[in-house]
N, C-alpha and C. Protein backbone atom coordinates (compact mmCIF):
# COMPACT_ATOMS: atom_id res chain seq x y z
N MET A 1 68.56 135.73 109.04
CA MET A 1 70.05 135.59 109.09
C MET A 1 70.47 134.20 108.85
N SER A 2 71.52 134.01 107.95
CA SER A 2 72.13 132.69 107.72
C SER A 2 73.15 132.37 108.73
N ILE A 3 73.46 131.07 108.91
CA ILE A 3 74.52 130.72 109.73
C ILE A 3 75.78 130.73 108.91
N ASN A 4 76.67 131.61 109.35
CA ASN A 4 77.89 131.79 108.60
C ASN A 4 78.84 130.63 108.81
N ALA A 5 79.74 130.37 107.64
CA ALA A 5 80.70 129.18 107.83
C ALA A 5 82.05 129.87 108.21
N ALA A 6 82.84 129.22 109.08
CA ALA A 6 84.14 129.70 109.52
C ALA A 6 85.11 129.64 108.28
N GLN A 7 85.89 130.64 108.21
CA GLN A 7 87.01 130.70 107.19
C GLN A 7 88.16 129.90 107.60
N PHE A 8 88.40 129.71 108.97
CA PHE A 8 89.47 128.93 109.48
C PHE A 8 88.82 127.43 109.62
N PRO A 9 89.73 126.34 109.36
CA PRO A 9 91.19 126.49 108.95
C PRO A 9 91.31 126.46 107.49
N ALA A 10 90.30 126.48 106.58
CA ALA A 10 90.50 126.23 105.20
C ALA A 10 91.53 127.44 104.65
N THR A 11 91.34 128.63 105.17
CA THR A 11 92.28 129.77 104.78
C THR A 11 93.27 130.06 105.82
N GLN A 12 93.27 129.19 106.86
CA GLN A 12 94.23 129.21 108.02
C GLN A 12 93.86 130.41 108.94
N VAL A 13 93.82 131.70 108.50
CA VAL A 13 93.57 132.82 109.36
C VAL A 13 92.37 133.65 108.91
N TRP A 14 91.42 133.92 109.75
CA TRP A 14 90.29 134.68 109.39
C TRP A 14 90.83 136.18 109.36
N ASP A 15 90.54 136.81 108.18
CA ASP A 15 91.03 138.20 108.00
C ASP A 15 89.99 139.26 108.37
N GLY A 16 88.89 138.88 109.03
CA GLY A 16 88.00 139.82 109.47
C GLY A 16 86.81 140.11 108.51
N THR A 17 86.82 139.52 107.35
CA THR A 17 85.77 139.74 106.36
C THR A 17 84.47 139.11 106.93
N ALA A 18 83.32 139.65 106.49
CA ALA A 18 81.96 139.15 106.95
C ALA A 18 81.04 139.65 105.87
N PRO A 19 79.71 139.14 105.88
CA PRO A 19 78.84 139.79 104.89
C PRO A 19 78.63 141.30 105.01
N ASN A 20 79.02 141.82 106.11
CA ASN A 20 78.76 143.26 106.33
C ASN A 20 80.02 144.09 106.23
N ARG A 21 81.16 143.48 106.00
CA ARG A 21 82.41 144.30 105.84
C ARG A 21 83.45 143.55 104.95
N ALA A 22 84.34 144.26 104.30
CA ALA A 22 85.35 143.78 103.30
C ALA A 22 86.58 143.19 104.15
N ASN A 23 86.88 143.82 105.29
CA ASN A 23 88.06 143.34 106.05
C ASN A 23 87.91 143.98 107.38
N ARG A 24 88.81 143.66 108.26
CA ARG A 24 88.75 144.18 109.65
C ARG A 24 89.04 145.68 109.77
N PHE A 25 89.64 146.35 108.75
CA PHE A 25 89.73 147.73 108.72
C PHE A 25 88.63 148.62 108.30
N ASP A 26 87.47 147.80 107.87
CA ASP A 26 86.23 148.50 107.49
C ASP A 26 85.57 148.99 108.78
N ASP A 27 85.32 150.28 108.93
CA ASP A 27 84.83 150.78 110.16
C ASP A 27 83.30 150.75 110.27
N LYS A 28 82.62 149.94 109.50
CA LYS A 28 81.12 149.88 109.59
C LYS A 28 80.74 149.29 111.01
N ALA A 29 79.70 149.74 111.50
CA ALA A 29 79.31 149.23 112.85
C ALA A 29 78.98 147.81 112.73
N PRO A 30 79.34 146.91 113.75
CA PRO A 30 79.00 145.56 113.65
C PRO A 30 77.52 145.30 113.69
N ASP A 31 77.16 144.28 113.01
CA ASP A 31 75.71 143.73 112.98
C ASP A 31 75.68 142.28 113.27
N SER A 32 74.49 141.70 113.18
CA SER A 32 74.30 140.33 113.58
C SER A 32 75.14 139.41 112.77
N GLU A 33 75.54 139.82 111.51
CA GLU A 33 76.30 138.92 110.58
C GLU A 33 77.73 138.89 111.18
N ASP A 34 78.30 139.99 111.68
CA ASP A 34 79.58 140.08 112.25
C ASP A 34 79.67 139.19 113.48
N TRP A 35 78.68 139.16 114.30
CA TRP A 35 78.69 138.42 115.58
C TRP A 35 78.59 136.93 115.21
N ASP A 36 77.87 136.66 114.14
CA ASP A 36 77.75 135.29 113.64
C ASP A 36 79.06 134.73 113.14
N GLN A 37 79.68 135.57 112.34
CA GLN A 37 81.01 135.18 111.80
C GLN A 37 82.03 134.97 112.94
N MET A 38 82.11 135.87 113.85
CA MET A 38 83.06 135.76 114.95
C MET A 38 82.71 134.42 115.74
N THR A 39 81.46 134.11 115.99
CA THR A 39 81.09 132.99 116.63
C THR A 39 81.59 131.73 115.91
N ALA A 40 81.34 131.67 114.60
CA ALA A 40 81.82 130.65 113.83
C ALA A 40 83.35 130.43 113.85
N GLU A 41 84.03 131.55 113.75
CA GLU A 41 85.51 131.43 113.85
C GLU A 41 86.03 131.00 115.16
N LEU A 42 85.30 131.38 116.29
CA LEU A 42 85.73 130.92 117.60
C LEU A 42 85.49 129.46 117.81
N ILE A 43 84.35 128.97 117.33
CA ILE A 43 84.08 127.53 117.44
C ILE A 43 85.06 126.79 116.61
N ALA A 44 85.48 127.24 115.46
CA ALA A 44 86.38 126.47 114.58
C ALA A 44 87.76 126.52 115.25
N ALA A 45 88.17 127.62 115.88
CA ALA A 45 89.50 127.64 116.51
C ALA A 45 89.56 126.76 117.85
N GLN A 46 88.41 126.70 118.61
CA GLN A 46 88.31 125.94 119.72
C GLN A 46 88.36 124.41 119.37
N THR A 47 87.71 124.18 118.23
CA THR A 47 87.72 122.69 117.81
C THR A 47 89.06 122.24 117.45
N ALA A 48 89.81 123.19 116.72
CA ALA A 48 91.15 122.92 116.29
C ALA A 48 92.10 122.59 117.53
N ILE A 49 92.02 123.43 118.56
CA ILE A 49 92.76 123.35 119.76
C ILE A 49 92.50 122.11 120.53
N ALA A 50 91.26 121.80 120.60
CA ALA A 50 90.73 120.65 121.50
C ALA A 50 90.94 119.35 120.78
N ALA A 51 90.75 119.26 119.51
CA ALA A 51 90.80 117.90 118.80
C ALA A 51 91.89 117.84 117.69
N GLY A 52 92.31 118.89 117.24
CA GLY A 52 93.38 118.85 116.26
C GLY A 52 92.70 118.60 114.94
N THR A 53 92.47 119.68 114.07
CA THR A 53 91.81 119.54 112.83
C THR A 53 92.86 119.24 111.81
N PRO A 54 92.40 118.73 110.65
CA PRO A 54 93.38 118.43 109.64
C PRO A 54 94.16 119.72 109.22
N SER A 55 95.49 119.58 109.05
CA SER A 55 96.34 120.74 108.56
C SER A 55 96.21 120.77 107.06
N THR A 56 95.95 122.04 106.60
CA THR A 56 95.77 122.16 105.03
C THR A 56 96.82 122.89 104.40
N SER A 57 97.97 123.25 105.12
CA SER A 57 99.12 124.01 104.52
C SER A 57 100.31 123.74 105.21
N GLY A 58 101.45 123.80 104.61
CA GLY A 58 102.77 123.64 105.14
C GLY A 58 103.09 122.20 105.50
N ASN A 59 102.47 121.23 104.99
CA ASN A 59 102.62 119.83 105.13
C ASN A 59 103.76 119.36 104.29
N GLY A 60 104.43 118.20 104.74
CA GLY A 60 105.22 117.47 103.96
C GLY A 60 104.59 116.52 102.94
N VAL A 61 105.32 115.62 102.31
CA VAL A 61 104.69 114.71 101.45
C VAL A 61 105.13 113.28 101.70
N VAL A 62 104.13 112.41 101.88
CA VAL A 62 104.32 110.98 102.19
C VAL A 62 105.04 110.31 101.01
N ALA A 63 106.13 109.48 101.19
CA ALA A 63 106.74 108.73 100.10
C ALA A 63 106.29 107.23 100.23
N GLY A 64 106.11 106.67 98.99
CA GLY A 64 105.75 105.29 98.90
C GLY A 64 104.40 105.21 98.34
N ALA A 65 104.24 104.38 97.35
CA ALA A 65 102.90 104.30 96.62
C ALA A 65 101.84 103.85 97.43
N THR A 66 102.10 102.86 98.41
CA THR A 66 101.00 102.27 99.26
C THR A 66 100.88 102.96 100.59
N ASN A 67 101.63 103.92 100.83
CA ASN A 67 101.57 104.63 102.09
C ASN A 67 100.64 105.86 102.15
N THR A 68 100.12 106.15 103.28
CA THR A 68 99.15 107.27 103.38
C THR A 68 99.70 108.16 104.61
N VAL A 69 99.20 109.41 104.78
CA VAL A 69 99.57 110.32 105.82
C VAL A 69 98.43 111.10 106.25
N VAL A 70 98.33 111.39 107.51
CA VAL A 70 97.35 112.25 108.11
C VAL A 70 98.02 113.40 108.86
N GLU A 71 97.86 114.59 108.52
CA GLU A 71 98.45 115.68 109.21
C GLU A 71 97.36 116.44 110.03
N SER A 72 97.66 116.73 111.30
CA SER A 72 96.73 117.44 112.12
C SER A 72 97.37 118.70 112.64
N LEU A 73 96.58 119.79 112.82
CA LEU A 73 96.96 121.09 113.35
C LEU A 73 96.60 121.19 114.76
N ALA A 74 97.46 121.01 115.66
CA ALA A 74 97.20 121.15 117.12
C ALA A 74 98.47 121.88 117.79
N GLY A 75 98.71 122.92 117.19
CA GLY A 75 100.02 123.64 117.81
C GLY A 75 101.24 123.16 117.10
N VAL A 76 101.28 121.87 116.87
CA VAL A 76 102.47 121.31 116.03
C VAL A 76 101.93 120.30 115.17
N HIS A 77 102.85 119.79 114.23
CA HIS A 77 102.28 118.79 113.28
C HIS A 77 102.44 117.45 114.03
N LYS A 78 101.31 116.73 113.89
CA LYS A 78 101.41 115.32 114.33
C LYS A 78 101.13 114.40 113.06
N THR A 79 102.26 113.89 112.51
CA THR A 79 102.26 113.25 111.22
C THR A 79 102.19 111.74 111.51
N VAL A 80 101.06 111.12 111.04
CA VAL A 80 100.90 109.73 111.19
C VAL A 80 100.97 108.99 109.88
N ILE A 81 102.09 108.30 109.62
CA ILE A 81 102.35 107.61 108.38
C ILE A 81 101.89 106.15 108.53
N THR A 82 100.95 105.76 107.59
CA THR A 82 100.54 104.36 107.72
C THR A 82 101.09 103.59 106.60
N LEU A 83 101.91 102.56 106.82
CA LEU A 83 102.54 101.72 105.79
C LEU A 83 101.61 100.46 105.77
N THR A 84 101.25 100.03 104.47
CA THR A 84 100.41 98.91 104.16
C THR A 84 101.06 97.92 103.29
N ASP A 85 101.41 96.82 103.78
CA ASP A 85 102.20 95.79 102.99
C ASP A 85 103.35 96.53 102.17
N PHE A 86 104.11 97.28 102.88
CA PHE A 86 105.22 97.90 102.31
C PHE A 86 106.45 97.12 102.22
N SER A 87 106.80 96.79 100.94
CA SER A 87 107.84 95.86 100.70
C SER A 87 109.29 96.48 100.65
N MET A 88 110.16 96.07 101.55
CA MET A 88 111.52 96.55 101.59
C MET A 88 112.50 95.39 101.28
N LEU A 89 113.26 95.53 100.24
CA LEU A 89 114.28 94.55 99.78
C LEU A 89 115.55 94.48 100.46
N VAL A 90 115.86 93.60 101.31
CA VAL A 90 117.13 93.44 101.99
C VAL A 90 118.20 93.26 100.95
N ASP A 91 119.25 93.98 100.92
CA ASP A 91 120.31 93.95 99.95
C ASP A 91 121.13 92.69 99.96
N THR A 92 121.85 92.44 98.93
CA THR A 92 122.73 91.16 98.85
C THR A 92 124.20 91.53 99.24
N ALA A 93 124.40 92.73 99.73
CA ALA A 93 125.81 93.12 100.14
C ALA A 93 126.24 92.28 101.26
N ALA A 94 127.46 92.53 101.78
CA ALA A 94 128.06 91.81 102.82
C ALA A 94 127.19 91.73 104.08
N ASP A 95 126.55 92.82 104.32
CA ASP A 95 125.63 92.89 105.42
C ASP A 95 124.14 93.25 104.95
N GLY A 96 123.19 92.51 105.48
CA GLY A 96 121.89 92.82 104.98
C GLY A 96 121.33 94.13 105.48
N PHE A 97 120.96 94.93 104.61
CA PHE A 97 120.37 96.25 104.91
C PHE A 97 119.46 96.85 103.97
N VAL A 98 118.51 97.65 104.41
CA VAL A 98 117.61 98.35 103.38
C VAL A 98 117.10 99.61 104.10
N GLY A 99 117.19 100.68 103.29
CA GLY A 99 116.57 102.04 103.80
C GLY A 99 115.74 102.60 102.70
N THR A 100 114.54 103.02 103.09
CA THR A 100 113.59 103.56 102.16
C THR A 100 112.95 104.83 102.68
N LYS A 101 112.97 105.86 101.80
CA LYS A 101 112.31 107.15 102.26
C LYS A 101 110.79 106.97 102.44
N ILE A 102 110.36 107.45 103.51
CA ILE A 102 108.82 107.45 103.91
C ILE A 102 108.19 108.79 103.99
N TYR A 103 108.99 109.84 104.10
CA TYR A 103 108.40 111.19 104.35
C TYR A 103 109.38 112.28 103.85
N ASP A 104 108.93 113.30 103.22
CA ASP A 104 109.60 114.58 102.91
C ASP A 104 109.06 115.71 103.82
N PHE A 105 109.91 116.16 104.78
CA PHE A 105 109.53 117.38 105.40
C PHE A 105 109.51 118.59 104.50
N PRO A 106 108.70 119.61 104.81
CA PRO A 106 108.93 120.85 103.97
C PRO A 106 110.27 121.49 104.36
N ALA A 107 110.69 122.49 103.48
CA ALA A 107 111.80 123.24 103.78
C ALA A 107 111.65 124.00 105.06
N GLY A 108 112.73 124.17 105.79
CA GLY A 108 112.64 124.89 107.11
C GLY A 108 113.52 124.18 108.16
N LEU A 109 113.51 124.94 109.23
CA LEU A 109 114.28 124.40 110.38
C LEU A 109 113.21 123.57 111.16
N ILE A 110 113.52 122.22 111.20
CA ILE A 110 112.48 121.34 111.63
C ILE A 110 112.82 120.87 113.10
N ARG A 111 111.94 121.19 113.99
CA ARG A 111 112.06 120.79 115.45
C ARG A 111 111.29 119.48 115.67
N LEU A 112 112.16 118.39 115.84
CA LEU A 112 111.51 117.19 116.24
C LEU A 112 111.24 117.06 117.76
N HIS A 113 109.92 116.79 118.16
CA HIS A 113 109.52 116.59 119.47
C HIS A 113 109.61 115.18 119.97
N GLY A 114 109.26 114.24 119.08
CA GLY A 114 109.32 112.89 119.48
C GLY A 114 108.72 112.01 118.32
N ALA A 115 108.90 110.69 118.37
CA ALA A 115 108.32 109.86 117.33
C ALA A 115 108.03 108.40 117.87
N ILE A 116 107.08 107.79 117.35
CA ILE A 116 106.75 106.38 117.77
C ILE A 116 106.61 105.57 116.48
N MET A 117 107.14 104.35 116.66
CA MET A 117 107.09 103.33 115.51
C MET A 117 106.38 102.20 116.04
N ASP A 118 105.28 101.74 115.34
CA ASP A 118 104.57 100.55 115.69
C ASP A 118 104.23 99.72 114.43
N LEU A 119 105.22 98.81 114.03
CA LEU A 119 105.19 98.16 112.84
C LEU A 119 105.21 96.62 113.05
N THR A 120 104.63 95.89 112.10
CA THR A 120 104.84 94.48 112.00
C THR A 120 105.64 94.15 110.78
N LEU A 121 106.82 93.53 111.08
CA LEU A 121 107.76 93.12 110.08
C LEU A 121 107.62 91.54 109.72
N THR A 122 107.48 91.29 108.58
CA THR A 122 107.30 89.92 108.07
C THR A 122 108.18 89.62 106.92
N THR A 123 109.07 88.57 107.04
CA THR A 123 109.91 88.21 106.02
C THR A 123 109.14 87.43 104.90
N VAL A 124 109.63 87.56 103.66
CA VAL A 124 108.87 86.85 102.51
C VAL A 124 109.94 85.89 101.98
N GLY A 125 109.79 84.67 102.13
CA GLY A 125 110.73 83.62 101.61
C GLY A 125 111.61 83.04 102.78
N SER A 126 112.67 82.29 102.39
CA SER A 126 113.33 81.55 103.40
C SER A 126 114.83 82.04 103.50
N ASP A 127 115.23 83.13 102.87
CA ASP A 127 116.61 83.53 102.76
C ASP A 127 116.93 84.39 103.94
N ILE A 128 116.04 84.77 104.78
CA ILE A 128 116.16 85.39 106.03
C ILE A 128 115.65 84.36 107.07
N ASP A 129 116.44 84.02 108.15
CA ASP A 129 116.03 83.03 109.10
C ASP A 129 114.72 83.40 109.73
N ALA A 130 113.95 82.40 110.08
CA ALA A 130 112.69 82.62 110.68
C ALA A 130 112.81 83.23 112.05
N ASP A 131 113.99 83.09 112.70
CA ASP A 131 114.23 83.68 113.98
C ASP A 131 115.41 84.63 113.92
N ALA A 132 115.50 85.32 112.77
CA ALA A 132 116.61 86.26 112.70
C ALA A 132 116.56 87.44 113.55
N ALA A 133 117.80 87.97 113.94
CA ALA A 133 117.83 89.21 114.65
C ALA A 133 117.73 90.32 113.58
N VAL A 134 116.85 91.27 113.88
CA VAL A 134 116.55 92.40 113.07
C VAL A 134 116.67 93.70 113.77
N VAL A 135 117.24 94.80 113.26
CA VAL A 135 117.29 96.10 113.87
C VAL A 135 116.58 97.02 113.03
N ALA A 136 115.82 97.93 113.49
CA ALA A 136 115.13 98.93 112.85
C ALA A 136 115.24 100.34 113.38
N SER A 137 115.20 101.36 112.46
CA SER A 137 115.22 102.74 113.10
C SER A 137 114.61 103.63 112.01
N VAL A 138 114.43 104.93 112.45
CA VAL A 138 114.05 105.83 111.48
C VAL A 138 115.02 107.18 111.60
N GLY A 139 115.54 107.45 110.47
CA GLY A 139 116.56 108.49 110.57
C GLY A 139 116.51 109.41 109.31
N THR A 140 117.33 110.46 109.32
CA THR A 140 117.28 111.48 108.18
C THR A 140 118.17 111.15 107.03
N VAL A 141 118.86 109.95 106.99
CA VAL A 141 119.65 109.41 105.99
C VAL A 141 119.31 107.95 105.81
N THR A 142 119.45 107.43 104.55
CA THR A 142 119.27 105.90 104.45
C THR A 142 120.46 105.30 104.99
N CYS A 143 120.29 104.04 105.35
CA CYS A 143 121.32 103.16 106.06
C CYS A 143 122.49 102.85 105.11
N ALA A 144 123.61 102.57 105.67
CA ALA A 144 124.73 102.19 104.85
C ALA A 144 124.95 100.69 104.88
N ASP A 145 125.96 100.19 104.23
CA ASP A 145 126.24 98.72 104.13
C ASP A 145 126.83 98.19 105.41
N ASP A 146 126.07 98.06 106.45
CA ASP A 146 126.59 97.43 107.63
C ASP A 146 125.44 96.87 108.33
N ALA A 147 125.56 96.22 109.47
CA ALA A 147 124.47 95.53 110.20
C ALA A 147 123.98 96.41 111.41
N THR A 148 124.57 97.59 111.48
CA THR A 148 124.14 98.58 112.58
C THR A 148 123.46 99.79 112.03
N LEU A 149 122.70 100.44 112.73
CA LEU A 149 122.05 101.64 112.46
C LEU A 149 122.38 102.71 113.55
N THR A 150 123.20 103.70 113.12
CA THR A 150 123.74 104.70 114.06
C THR A 150 123.67 106.10 113.51
N SER A 151 123.91 107.09 114.27
CA SER A 151 124.08 108.47 113.88
C SER A 151 122.74 108.90 113.15
N THR A 152 122.95 109.54 112.03
CA THR A 152 121.85 110.08 111.25
C THR A 152 120.97 108.97 110.63
N GLU A 153 121.35 107.77 110.60
CA GLU A 153 120.53 106.59 110.25
C GLU A 153 119.45 106.41 111.29
N ALA A 154 119.57 106.94 112.42
CA ALA A 154 118.73 106.60 113.57
C ALA A 154 118.48 107.79 114.47
N ASP A 155 118.37 109.02 113.83
CA ASP A 155 118.25 110.29 114.70
C ASP A 155 116.78 110.73 114.93
N ILE A 156 115.86 109.94 114.40
CA ILE A 156 114.41 110.22 114.63
C ILE A 156 113.85 109.22 115.57
N ILE A 157 114.11 107.99 115.23
CA ILE A 157 113.75 106.81 116.23
C ILE A 157 115.06 105.99 116.22
N PRO A 158 115.68 105.78 117.43
CA PRO A 158 117.01 105.03 117.53
C PRO A 158 116.85 103.63 117.14
N SER A 159 117.96 103.04 116.77
CA SER A 159 118.02 101.58 116.55
C SER A 159 117.48 100.70 117.56
N THR A 160 116.56 99.84 117.22
CA THR A 160 116.00 98.97 118.24
C THR A 160 116.07 97.48 117.74
N ALA A 161 116.46 96.51 118.55
CA ALA A 161 116.61 95.19 118.20
C ALA A 161 115.31 94.32 118.29
N TYR A 162 115.03 93.41 117.43
CA TYR A 162 113.97 92.49 117.47
C TYR A 162 114.44 91.15 117.05
N THR A 163 113.75 90.07 117.54
CA THR A 163 113.98 88.77 117.06
C THR A 163 112.86 88.23 116.45
N LEU A 164 112.82 87.87 115.26
CA LEU A 164 111.63 87.32 114.54
C LEU A 164 111.19 85.94 115.18
N VAL A 165 109.89 85.81 115.23
CA VAL A 165 109.28 84.62 115.63
C VAL A 165 108.41 84.08 114.51
N ALA A 166 108.77 82.91 114.03
CA ALA A 166 108.08 82.32 112.75
C ALA A 166 108.03 83.42 111.74
N SER A 167 109.20 84.08 111.48
CA SER A 167 109.25 85.05 110.34
C SER A 167 108.57 86.37 110.46
N THR A 168 108.10 86.63 111.64
CA THR A 168 107.39 87.94 111.84
C THR A 168 107.66 88.47 113.31
N LYS A 169 107.35 89.78 113.33
CA LYS A 169 107.64 90.32 114.67
C LYS A 169 106.96 91.80 114.74
N GLN A 170 106.38 92.21 115.84
CA GLN A 170 105.95 93.56 116.12
C GLN A 170 107.13 94.31 116.51
N ALA A 171 107.37 95.44 115.77
CA ALA A 171 108.51 96.28 116.03
C ALA A 171 108.10 97.58 116.47
N VAL A 172 108.19 97.89 117.80
CA VAL A 172 107.86 99.14 118.54
C VAL A 172 109.16 99.91 118.84
N GLY A 173 109.20 101.12 118.46
CA GLY A 173 110.36 101.98 118.77
C GLY A 173 109.93 103.31 119.19
N LEU A 174 110.72 104.01 120.07
CA LEU A 174 110.34 105.30 120.55
C LEU A 174 111.54 106.29 120.36
N GLY A 175 111.15 107.42 119.74
CA GLY A 175 112.12 108.46 119.67
C GLY A 175 111.78 109.58 120.70
N VAL A 176 112.65 109.56 121.84
CA VAL A 176 112.22 110.39 122.98
C VAL A 176 113.19 111.58 123.09
N THR A 177 114.15 111.77 122.23
CA THR A 177 115.14 112.84 122.30
C THR A 177 114.79 113.89 121.31
N PRO A 178 114.44 115.08 121.71
CA PRO A 178 114.23 116.21 120.81
C PRO A 178 115.37 116.53 119.99
N ALA A 179 115.22 117.03 118.77
CA ALA A 179 116.32 117.40 117.85
C ALA A 179 115.88 118.50 116.89
N VAL A 180 116.83 119.14 116.28
CA VAL A 180 116.49 120.23 115.30
C VAL A 180 117.31 119.90 114.13
N PHE A 181 116.72 119.80 112.88
CA PHE A 181 117.26 119.43 111.62
C PHE A 181 117.15 120.66 110.71
N ASP A 182 118.37 120.88 110.09
CA ASP A 182 118.48 122.03 109.25
C ASP A 182 118.04 121.76 107.78
N GLY A 183 116.84 122.17 107.46
CA GLY A 183 116.32 122.15 106.09
C GLY A 183 116.18 123.59 105.49
N VAL A 184 117.11 124.45 106.07
CA VAL A 184 117.08 125.81 105.55
C VAL A 184 118.44 126.06 104.69
N THR A 185 119.57 125.88 105.23
CA THR A 185 120.82 126.04 104.46
C THR A 185 121.15 124.75 103.76
N SER A 186 120.60 123.64 104.15
CA SER A 186 120.68 122.38 103.50
C SER A 186 119.37 121.97 102.83
N ALA A 187 119.31 120.93 102.12
CA ALA A 187 118.07 120.49 101.54
C ALA A 187 117.07 120.12 102.48
N ALA A 188 115.84 120.16 102.10
CA ALA A 188 114.78 119.89 103.07
C ALA A 188 114.96 118.43 103.60
N VAL A 189 114.60 118.23 104.92
CA VAL A 189 114.86 116.98 105.55
C VAL A 189 113.98 115.84 105.14
N ASP A 190 114.54 114.57 104.98
CA ASP A 190 113.78 113.48 104.69
C ASP A 190 113.75 112.51 105.93
N ALA A 191 112.85 111.60 105.86
CA ALA A 191 112.76 110.54 106.98
C ALA A 191 112.83 109.16 106.30
N PHE A 192 113.69 108.29 106.72
CA PHE A 192 113.96 107.00 106.19
C PHE A 192 113.62 105.96 107.25
N LEU A 193 112.80 104.96 106.75
CA LEU A 193 112.75 103.72 107.62
C LEU A 193 113.98 102.85 107.22
N ASN A 194 114.85 102.48 108.25
CA ASN A 194 116.03 101.59 107.96
C ASN A 194 115.93 100.26 108.73
N ILE A 195 116.33 99.22 107.98
CA ILE A 195 116.21 97.87 108.62
C ILE A 195 117.60 97.20 108.29
N ALA A 196 118.12 96.44 109.19
CA ALA A 196 119.36 95.67 108.95
C ALA A 196 119.25 94.28 109.57
N VAL A 197 119.73 93.25 108.82
CA VAL A 197 119.83 91.90 109.30
C VAL A 197 121.26 91.50 109.22
N PRO A 198 121.79 90.96 110.27
CA PRO A 198 123.13 90.44 110.24
C PRO A 198 123.39 89.29 109.32
N ASP A 199 124.66 89.24 108.68
CA ASP A 199 124.92 88.22 107.65
C ASP A 199 124.63 86.85 108.17
N ALA A 200 124.87 86.63 109.46
CA ALA A 200 124.79 85.20 109.99
C ALA A 200 123.29 84.74 109.95
N ASP A 201 122.41 85.68 109.80
CA ASP A 201 120.94 85.25 109.85
C ASP A 201 120.32 85.25 108.49
N ARG A 202 121.13 85.21 107.43
CA ARG A 202 120.47 85.23 106.13
C ARG A 202 121.50 84.63 105.04
N THR A 203 120.94 84.34 103.91
CA THR A 203 121.82 83.90 102.85
C THR A 203 122.20 85.16 101.93
N ALA A 204 122.98 84.82 100.96
CA ALA A 204 123.44 85.91 100.07
C ALA A 204 122.44 86.44 99.03
N THR A 205 121.20 85.84 99.12
CA THR A 205 120.12 86.25 98.23
C THR A 205 119.34 87.31 98.81
N ALA A 206 118.97 88.37 98.02
CA ALA A 206 118.13 89.45 98.46
C ALA A 206 116.77 88.87 98.85
N GLN A 207 116.23 89.44 99.82
CA GLN A 207 114.86 89.01 100.36
C GLN A 207 114.12 90.14 100.89
N ALA A 208 112.73 90.12 100.60
CA ALA A 208 112.03 91.27 100.95
C ALA A 208 111.41 91.07 102.51
N ILE A 209 111.37 92.23 103.07
CA ILE A 209 110.57 92.33 104.41
C ILE A 209 109.40 93.11 104.21
N THR A 210 108.19 92.68 104.52
CA THR A 210 107.03 93.43 104.41
C THR A 210 106.67 94.05 105.68
N VAL A 211 106.33 95.47 105.53
CA VAL A 211 106.12 96.28 106.76
C VAL A 211 104.70 96.79 106.70
N THR A 212 104.06 96.62 107.87
CA THR A 212 102.70 97.19 107.89
C THR A 212 102.62 97.79 109.41
N GLY A 213 101.91 98.93 109.36
CA GLY A 213 101.86 99.62 110.76
C GLY A 213 101.95 101.21 110.59
N THR A 214 102.24 101.88 111.67
CA THR A 214 102.33 103.26 111.63
C THR A 214 103.67 103.81 112.27
N ILE A 215 104.02 104.95 111.69
CA ILE A 215 105.09 105.80 112.31
C ILE A 215 104.50 107.13 112.49
N THR A 216 104.62 107.61 113.77
CA THR A 216 104.10 108.90 114.20
C THR A 216 105.17 109.85 114.48
N ILE A 217 105.28 111.03 113.80
CA ILE A 217 106.32 111.96 114.12
C ILE A 217 105.68 113.27 114.44
N THR A 218 105.98 113.79 115.61
CA THR A 218 105.48 115.05 116.05
C THR A 218 106.63 116.08 115.93
N TRP A 219 106.31 117.26 115.20
CA TRP A 219 107.37 118.14 114.78
C TRP A 219 106.73 119.54 114.55
N THR A 220 107.68 120.53 114.48
CA THR A 220 107.34 121.88 114.29
C THR A 220 108.19 122.48 113.23
N ASN A 221 107.72 123.22 112.21
CA ASN A 221 108.58 123.92 111.40
C ASN A 221 108.80 125.35 112.05
N LEU A 222 110.07 125.55 112.31
CA LEU A 222 110.56 126.77 113.02
C LEU A 222 110.75 127.95 112.08
N GLY A 223 110.56 127.69 110.72
CA GLY A 223 110.71 128.76 109.75
C GLY A 223 111.72 128.49 108.66
N ASP A 224 111.65 129.14 107.55
CA ASP A 224 112.60 129.02 106.46
C ASP A 224 113.14 130.38 106.09
N ALA A 225 114.32 130.40 105.52
CA ALA A 225 114.93 131.72 105.01
C ALA A 225 114.16 132.31 103.87
């Protein structure tokens, strides 16, 4: 007897097929191959529950050429977005701001359970003060031309204030309020990293902020029409 490989999670749900039967409606008496297949599927399911195996379907898409994402299947999606030297150009408008899409959720009613941001922000150049006040958030829309981040600009992780030290700062933010986003009757939901710098702390010249770190979003897709 060979050691059978689990069909879960590659095909998501084991349909009862085994070397001795075509599907679970086949009434052949079980044999050692059936018991071996059931054991393999049970081990795979227990591993998924205990440790969270990679999710192979129903995932969103990471945005940004240098960014990566890991999806795990542990009852809900735990999406860990890693930003590596991700450059965001603070605009030259009246108030310094920049918003960049970092993730596309799949279509559906998206239940946000919580989110964590652990980033290092580093300014590039001298047009933003080395001790500038910076606010950052994650929201479902990109930020507007102002020095504050509110409403849907910050509905995943709220606006959090930081003060640069020698042009850099660790930026930690927590999204602790559950929410539901409509990606059914409206377009699929996006996630944006938003940053703003008050006019008093910068010149009129655009300047980049380099972002490195992780944004972790825990969510469930409640279904699509």
